Amino acid sequence: MKRGGRPTVILVHEHAGVLELVEAALRDRGTRVHATLDPFEALEVVRRLKVDLLVTSREHTDLARDLRQFQPELSALVLGDEPMSLEEIEVAVATALTPRAGRGKSQESGEGD
């Protein structure tokens, strides 16, 4: 699943500022990140590269289904509407990347658990 021991994440978000902040935070934790504002670019990345996790916003909830045409086992983390700190996002990503028996393909964060 991980190339060279590092997970690969595709990050798709409609706000460039959020995209840049989350990308930098994940890279600082050693994650390979392909970040884009364009869901169609994400499709091209997933066609070419093995990706461990999709991180996206509610704007692109159908994207996971589309990407799974190329990588059926792709997990997805949909960031909720409530504001989250970078640390909370980092923890959510780390949790989503941790293999666990019985974990579903999709997880949501920020839902006021």
C-alpha atoms as a PDB file:
ATOM      1  CA  MET A   1       0.000   0.000   0.000  1.00  0.00           C
ATOM      2  CA  LYS A   2       2.720   2.470   0.871  1.00  0.00           C
ATOM      3  CA  ARG A   3       5.455   3.293  -1.602  1.00  0.00           C
ATOM      4  CA  GLY A   4       8.817   3.546   0.094  1.00  0.00           C
ATOM      5  CA  GLY A   5       7.188   3.258   3.515  1.00  0.00           C
ATOM      6  CA  ARG A   6       5.273   6.531   3.136  1.00  0.00           C
ATOM      7  CA  PRO A   7       1.539   6.747   2.498  1.00  0.00           C
ATOM      8  CA  THR A   8       0.263   8.596  -0.552  1.00  0.00           C
ATOM      9  CA  VAL A   9      -2.734  10.907  -0.217  1.00  0.00           C
ATOM     10  CA  ILE A  10      -4.718  12.679  -2.906  1.00  0.00           C
ATOM     11  CA  LEU A  11      -6.075  15.939  -1.495  1.00  0.00           C
ATOM     12  CA  VAL A  12      -8.918  17.671  -3.332  1.00  0.00           C
ATOM     13  CA  HIS A  13     -10.409  20.868  -1.987  1.00  0.00           C
ATOM     14  CA  GLU A  14     -12.143  23.827  -3.590  1.00  0.00           C
ATOM     15  CA  HIS A  15     -10.337  26.472  -1.503  1.00  0.00           C
ATOM     16  CA  ALA A  16      -6.696  27.063  -2.446  1.00  0.00           C
ATOM     17  CA  GLY A  17      -5.754  28.338   1.019  1.00  0.00           C
ATOM     18  CA  VAL A  18      -7.134  25.259   2.758  1.00  0.00           C
ATOM     19  CA  LEU A  19      -5.511  23.044   0.163  1.00  0.00           C
ATOM     20  CA  GLU A  20      -2.090  24.618   0.717  1.00  0.00           C
ATOM     21  CA  LEU A  21      -2.286  24.484   4.524  1.00  0.00           C
ATOM     22  CA  VAL A  22      -3.417  20.864   4.687  1.00  0.00           C
ATOM     23  CA  GLU A  23      -0.897  19.826   2.037  1.00  0.00           C
ATOM     24  CA  ALA A  24       1.979  21.413   3.979  1.00  0.00           C
ATOM     25  CA  ALA A  25       0.857  19.855   7.263  1.00  0.00           C
ATOM     26  CA  LEU A  26       0.634  16.361   5.762  1.00  0.00           C
ATOM     27  CA  ARG A  27       3.975  16.699   3.980  1.00  0.00           C
ATOM     28  CA  ASP A  28       5.574  17.774   7.271  1.00  0.00           C
ATOM     29  CA  ARG A  29       4.367  14.458   8.737  1.00  0.00           C
ATOM     30  CA  GLY A  30       6.070  12.523   5.948  1.00  0.00           C
ATOM     31  CA  THR A  31       3.046  11.876   3.765  1.00  0.00           C
ATOM     32  CA  ARG A  32       3.282  12.033  -0.021  1.00  0.00           C
ATOM     33  CA  VAL A  33       0.582  14.441  -1.109  1.00  0.00           C
ATOM     34  CA  HIS A  34      -0.902  15.163  -4.512  1.00  0.00           C
ATOM     35  CA  ALA A  35      -3.011  18.280  -3.969  1.00  0.00           C
ATOM     36  CA  THR A  36      -5.399  19.759  -6.482  1.00  0.00           C
ATOM     37  CA  LEU A  37      -8.379  22.062  -6.785  1.00  0.00           C
ATOM     38  CA  ASP A  38      -9.554  20.041  -9.791  1.00  0.00           C
ATOM     39  CA  PRO A  39     -11.361  16.705  -9.314  1.00  0.00           C
ATOM     40  CA  PHE A  40     -10.558  15.773 -12.918  1.00  0.00           C
ATOM     41  CA  GLU A  41      -6.851  16.094 -12.135  1.00  0.00           C
ATOM     42  CA  ALA A  42      -7.407  13.753  -9.182  1.00  0.00           C
ATOM     43  CA  LEU A  43      -8.850  11.192 -11.588  1.00  0.00           C
ATOM     44  CA  GLU A  44      -5.723  11.396 -13.720  1.00  0.00           C
ATOM     45  CA  VAL A  45      -3.443  10.992 -10.685  1.00  0.00           C
ATOM     46  CA  VAL A  46      -5.335   7.933  -9.452  1.00  0.00           C
ATOM     47  CA  ARG A  47      -5.211   6.390 -12.925  1.00  0.00           C
ATOM     48  CA  ARG A  48      -1.385   6.654 -12.869  1.00  0.00           C
ATOM     49  CA  LEU A  49      -0.410   6.175  -9.209  1.00  0.00           C
ATOM     50  CA  LYS A  50      -1.364   3.963  -6.289  1.00  0.00           C
ATOM     51  CA  VAL A  51      -3.005   6.189  -3.697  1.00  0.00           C
ATOM     52  CA  ASP A  52      -3.766   5.180  -0.109  1.00  0.00           C
ATOM     53  CA  LEU A  53      -6.325   7.821   0.816  1.00  0.00           C
ATOM     54  CA  LEU A  54      -8.528  10.526  -0.669  1.00  0.00           C
ATOM     55  CA  VAL A  55      -9.001  13.580   1.544  1.00  0.00           C
ATOM     56  CA  THR A  56     -11.697  15.925   0.303  1.00  0.00           C
ATOM     57  CA  SER A  57     -14.492  18.285   1.274  1.00  0.00           C
ATOM     58  CA  ARG A  58     -18.219  17.797   1.085  1.00  0.00           C
ATOM     59  CA  GLU A  59     -18.117  19.636  -2.259  1.00  0.00           C
ATOM     60  CA  HIS A  60     -16.585  16.517  -3.814  1.00  0.00           C
ATOM     61  CA  THR A  61     -18.353  13.646  -2.058  1.00  0.00           C
ATOM     62  CA  ASP A  62     -18.993  11.810  -5.352  1.00  0.00           C
ATOM     63  CA  LEU A  63     -15.293  11.873  -6.151  1.00  0.00           C
ATOM     64  CA  ALA A  64     -14.520   8.797  -4.016  1.00  0.00           C
ATOM     65  CA  ARG A  65     -16.936   6.727  -6.112  1.00  0.00           C
ATOM     66  CA  ASP A  66     -15.338   7.984  -9.321  1.00  0.00           C
ATOM     67  CA  LEU A  67     -11.781   7.298  -8.116  1.00  0.00           C
ATOM     68  CA  ARG A  68     -12.735   3.787  -6.991  1.00  0.00           C
ATOM     69  CA  GLN A  69     -13.331   2.912 -10.658  1.00  0.00           C
ATOM     70  CA  PHE A  70      -9.531   2.844 -10.872  1.00  0.00           C
ATOM     71  CA  GLN A  71      -8.651   1.823  -7.298  1.00  0.00           C
ATOM     72  CA  PRO A  72     -11.567  -0.071  -5.716  1.00  0.00           C
ATOM     73  CA  GLU A  73      -9.940  -0.274  -2.263  1.00  0.00           C
ATOM     74  CA  LEU A  74      -9.295   3.478  -1.994  1.00  0.00           C
ATOM     75  CA  SER A  75     -10.292   4.880   1.392  1.00  0.00           C
ATOM     76  CA  ALA A  76     -11.816   8.334   1.675  1.00  0.00           C
ATOM     77  CA  LEU A  77     -11.866  10.961   4.390  1.00  0.00           C
ATOM     78  CA  VAL A  78     -14.502  13.637   3.882  1.00  0.00           C
ATOM     79  CA  LEU A  79     -13.846  16.737   5.929  1.00  0.00           C
ATOM     80  CA  GLY A  80     -16.991  17.947   7.647  1.00  0.00           C
ATOM     81  CA  ASP A  81     -18.519  21.396   7.623  1.00  0.00           C
ATOM     82  CA  GLU A  82     -17.328  22.300  11.121  1.00  0.00           C
ATOM     83  CA  PRO A  83     -13.953  24.016  11.345  1.00  0.00           C
ATOM     84  CA  MET A  84     -11.075  21.695  12.187  1.00  0.00           C
ATOM     85  CA  SER A  85      -7.552  22.498  13.288  1.00  0.00           C
ATOM     86  CA  LEU A  86      -4.626  21.223  11.239  1.00  0.00           C
ATOM     87  CA  GLU A  87      -3.805  18.905  14.130  1.00  0.00           C
ATOM     88  CA  GLU A  88      -7.321  17.420  14.028  1.00  0.00           C
ATOM     89  CA  ILE A  89      -7.018  16.881  10.280  1.00  0.00           C
ATOM     90  CA  GLU A  90      -3.581  15.277  10.711  1.00  0.00           C
ATOM     91  CA  VAL A  91      -4.981  12.900  13.353  1.00  0.00           C
ATOM     92  CA  ALA A  92      -7.990  12.044  11.155  1.00  0.00           C
ATOM     93  CA  VAL A  93      -5.682  11.286   8.217  1.00  0.00           C
ATOM     94  CA  ALA A  94      -3.345   9.177  10.377  1.00  0.00           C
ATOM     95  CA  THR A  95      -6.340   7.243  11.704  1.00  0.00           C
ATOM     96  CA  ALA A  96      -7.722   6.700   8.203  1.00  0.00           C
ATOM     97  CA  LEU A  97      -4.335   5.401   7.049  1.00  0.00           C
ATOM     98  CA  THR A  98      -4.041   2.954   9.947  1.00  0.00           C
ATOM     99  CA  PRO A  99      -5.205  -0.503   8.866  1.00  0.00           C
ATOM    100  CA  ARG A 100      -7.962  -1.776  11.120  1.00  0.00           C
ATOM    101  CA  ALA A 101     -10.093  -4.870  10.740  1.00  0.00           C
ATOM    102  CA  GLY A 102     -13.640  -3.999   9.876  1.00  0.00           C
ATOM    103  CA  ARG A 103     -13.010  -0.371   8.986  1.00  0.00           C
ATOM    104  CA  GLY A 104     -15.235   0.823   6.157  1.00  0.00           C
ATOM    105  CA  LYS A 105     -14.003   2.475   2.984  1.00  0.00           C
ATOM    106  CA  SER A 106     -15.222   5.904   3.946  1.00  0.00           C
ATOM    107  CA  GLN A 107     -14.833   7.933   7.104  1.00  0.00           C
ATOM    108  CA  GLU A 108     -16.184  11.354   7.892  1.00  0.00           C
ATOM    109  CA  SER A 109     -14.701  13.877  10.253  1.00  0.00           C
ATOM    110  CA  GLY A 110     -16.063  16.979  11.871  1.00  0.00           C
ATOM    111  CA  GLU A 111     -19.554  15.688  12.446  1.00  0.00           C
ATOM    112  CA  GLY A 112     -19.799  16.728  16.095  1.00  0.00           C
ATOM    113  CA  ASP A 113     -19.270  13.235  17.500  1.00  0.00           C
END
